[in-house]
């Protein structure tokens, strides 16, 4: 009986994860400027290796050292983008 509860909890967790957003920061996405494909506080951004979900930022200091805060085409948000 205990294993059934465990399976039910795992199924509920998977369902919540599927409904709670999209791709994590750094994972691929299709539509630049779309927040719908990415987890909360991230937007699809064009990067040299392809489109990825990137963290929303307000200024350069919000980003890791190899990144800077820049505008995203098709969006009013800025994201942390790799320095090119």
C-alpha atoms as a PDB file:
ATOM      1  CA  UNK A   1       0.000   0.000   0.000  1.00  0.00           C
ATOM      2  CA  UNK A   2       2.899   2.408   0.768  1.00  0.00           C
ATOM      3  CA  UNK A   3       4.371   2.006  -2.723  1.00  0.00           C
ATOM      4  CA  UNK A   4       1.074   3.155  -4.256  1.00  0.00           C
ATOM      5  CA  UNK A   5       1.266   6.419  -2.331  1.00  0.00           C
ATOM      6  CA  UNK A   6       4.827   6.902  -3.560  1.00  0.00           C
ATOM      7  CA  UNK A   7       3.807   6.342  -7.164  1.00  0.00           C
ATOM      8  CA  UNK A   8       0.864   8.725  -6.737  1.00  0.00           C
ATOM      9  CA  UNK A   9       3.140  11.401  -5.283  1.00  0.00           C
ATOM     10  CA  UNK A  10       5.610  10.999  -8.158  1.00  0.00           C
ATOM     11  CA  UNK A  11       2.810  11.286 -10.705  1.00  0.00           C
ATOM     12  CA  UNK A  12       1.480  14.433  -9.019  1.00  0.00           C
ATOM     13  CA  UNK A  13       4.968  15.969  -8.965  1.00  0.00           C
ATOM     14  CA  UNK A  14       5.446  15.224 -12.681  1.00  0.00           C
ATOM     15  CA  UNK A  15       2.077  16.760 -13.480  1.00  0.00           C
ATOM     16  CA  UNK A  16       2.894  19.910 -11.507  1.00  0.00           C
ATOM     17  CA  UNK A  17       6.255  20.225 -13.235  1.00  0.00           C
ATOM     18  CA  UNK A  18       4.600  19.897 -16.639  1.00  0.00           C
ATOM     19  CA  UNK A  19       2.043  22.576 -15.795  1.00  0.00           C
ATOM     20  CA  UNK A  20       4.411  24.991 -14.062  1.00  0.00           C
ATOM     21  CA  UNK A  21       6.255  26.324 -17.073  1.00  0.00           C
ATOM     22  CA  UNK A  22       8.551  25.194 -19.768  1.00  0.00           C
ATOM     23  CA  UNK A  23      12.206  24.803 -20.440  1.00  0.00           C
ATOM     24  CA  UNK A  24      14.729  25.704 -17.756  1.00  0.00           C
ATOM     25  CA  UNK A  25      17.297  28.472 -18.203  1.00  0.00           C
ATOM     26  CA  UNK A  26      19.866  27.273 -20.752  1.00  0.00           C
ATOM     27  CA  UNK A  27      17.534  24.770 -22.413  1.00  0.00           C
ATOM     28  CA  UNK A  28      16.460  25.166 -26.029  1.00  0.00           C
ATOM     29  CA  UNK A  29      13.296  26.958 -27.120  1.00  0.00           C
ATOM     30  CA  UNK A  30      11.732  27.934 -30.449  1.00  0.00           C
ATOM     31  CA  UNK A  31      10.254  31.448 -30.424  1.00  0.00           C
ATOM     32  CA  UNK A  32      12.611  34.299 -29.498  1.00  0.00           C
ATOM     33  CA  UNK A  33      10.779  36.745 -27.253  1.00  0.00           C
ATOM     34  CA  UNK A  34       8.330  34.146 -25.931  1.00  0.00           C
ATOM     35  CA  UNK A  35       8.041  33.635 -22.192  1.00  0.00           C
ATOM     36  CA  UNK A  36       5.482  30.843 -22.675  1.00  0.00           C
ATOM     37  CA  UNK A  37       8.144  28.272 -23.576  1.00  0.00           C
ATOM     38  CA  UNK A  38      10.336  28.932 -20.528  1.00  0.00           C
ATOM     39  CA  UNK A  39      10.113  28.665 -16.758  1.00  0.00           C
ATOM     40  CA  UNK A  40       9.004  31.676 -14.739  1.00  0.00           C
ATOM     41  CA  UNK A  41      11.401  34.647 -14.972  1.00  0.00           C
ATOM     42  CA  UNK A  42      12.936  33.456 -18.257  1.00  0.00           C
ATOM     43  CA  UNK A  43      12.374  34.244 -21.947  1.00  0.00           C
ATOM     44  CA  UNK A  44      13.476  32.575 -25.174  1.00  0.00           C
ATOM     45  CA  UNK A  45      16.613  34.409 -26.354  1.00  0.00           C
ATOM     46  CA  UNK A  46      18.816  34.016 -29.418  1.00  0.00           C
ATOM     47  CA  UNK A  47      22.320  32.862 -28.533  1.00  0.00           C
ATOM     48  CA  UNK A  48      25.252  31.903 -30.798  1.00  0.00           C
ATOM     49  CA  UNK A  49      24.500  28.179 -30.415  1.00  0.00           C
ATOM     50  CA  UNK A  50      20.749  28.573 -30.941  1.00  0.00           C
ATOM     51  CA  UNK A  51      17.688  29.786 -29.083  1.00  0.00           C
ATOM     52  CA  UNK A  52      17.675  29.142 -25.330  1.00  0.00           C
ATOM     53  CA  UNK A  53      15.644  30.220 -22.314  1.00  0.00           C
ATOM     54  CA  UNK A  54      17.503  32.997 -20.500  1.00  0.00           C
ATOM     55  CA  UNK A  55      16.961  34.628 -17.124  1.00  0.00           C
ATOM     56  CA  UNK A  56      15.231  38.017 -17.073  1.00  0.00           C
ATOM     57  CA  UNK A  57      17.450  40.833 -15.766  1.00  0.00           C
ATOM     58  CA  UNK A  58      17.342  44.558 -15.072  1.00  0.00           C
ATOM     59  CA  UNK A  59      21.063  45.342 -15.320  1.00  0.00           C
ATOM     60  CA  UNK A  60      24.434  43.668 -15.967  1.00  0.00           C
ATOM     61  CA  UNK A  61      25.040  42.988 -12.256  1.00  0.00           C
ATOM     62  CA  UNK A  62      22.001  40.645 -12.260  1.00  0.00           C
ATOM     63  CA  UNK A  63      23.908  38.300 -14.589  1.00  0.00           C
ATOM     64  CA  UNK A  64      26.891  35.928 -14.213  1.00  0.00           C
ATOM     65  CA  UNK A  65      30.281  37.417 -15.171  1.00  0.00           C
ATOM     66  CA  UNK A  66      30.358  35.973 -18.722  1.00  0.00           C
ATOM     67  CA  UNK A  67      26.937  37.516 -19.455  1.00  0.00           C
ATOM     68  CA  UNK A  68      25.398  40.970 -19.812  1.00  0.00           C
ATOM     69  CA  UNK A  69      21.819  42.246 -19.589  1.00  0.00           C
ATOM     70  CA  UNK A  70      20.428  43.058 -23.037  1.00  0.00           C
ATOM     71  CA  UNK A  71      17.089  43.421 -24.814  1.00  0.00           C
ATOM     72  CA  UNK A  72      15.298  40.503 -26.434  1.00  0.00           C
ATOM     73  CA  UNK A  73      13.782  40.961 -29.904  1.00  0.00           C
ATOM     74  CA  UNK A  74      10.001  40.662 -29.743  1.00  0.00           C
ATOM     75  CA  UNK A  75       9.856  41.345 -25.999  1.00  0.00           C
ATOM     76  CA  UNK A  76       9.888  44.297 -23.631  1.00  0.00           C
ATOM     77  CA  UNK A  77      12.157  42.329 -21.265  1.00  0.00           C
ATOM     78  CA  UNK A  78      15.934  42.085 -20.992  1.00  0.00           C
ATOM     79  CA  UNK A  79      17.771  38.825 -20.368  1.00  0.00           C
ATOM     80  CA  UNK A  80      21.245  37.681 -19.351  1.00  0.00           C
ATOM     81  CA  UNK A  81      23.001  37.005 -22.664  1.00  0.00           C
ATOM     82  CA  UNK A  82      26.450  35.597 -23.226  1.00  0.00           C
ATOM     83  CA  UNK A  83      29.137  38.106 -24.183  1.00  0.00           C
ATOM     84  CA  UNK A  84      30.012  37.629 -27.842  1.00  0.00           C
END
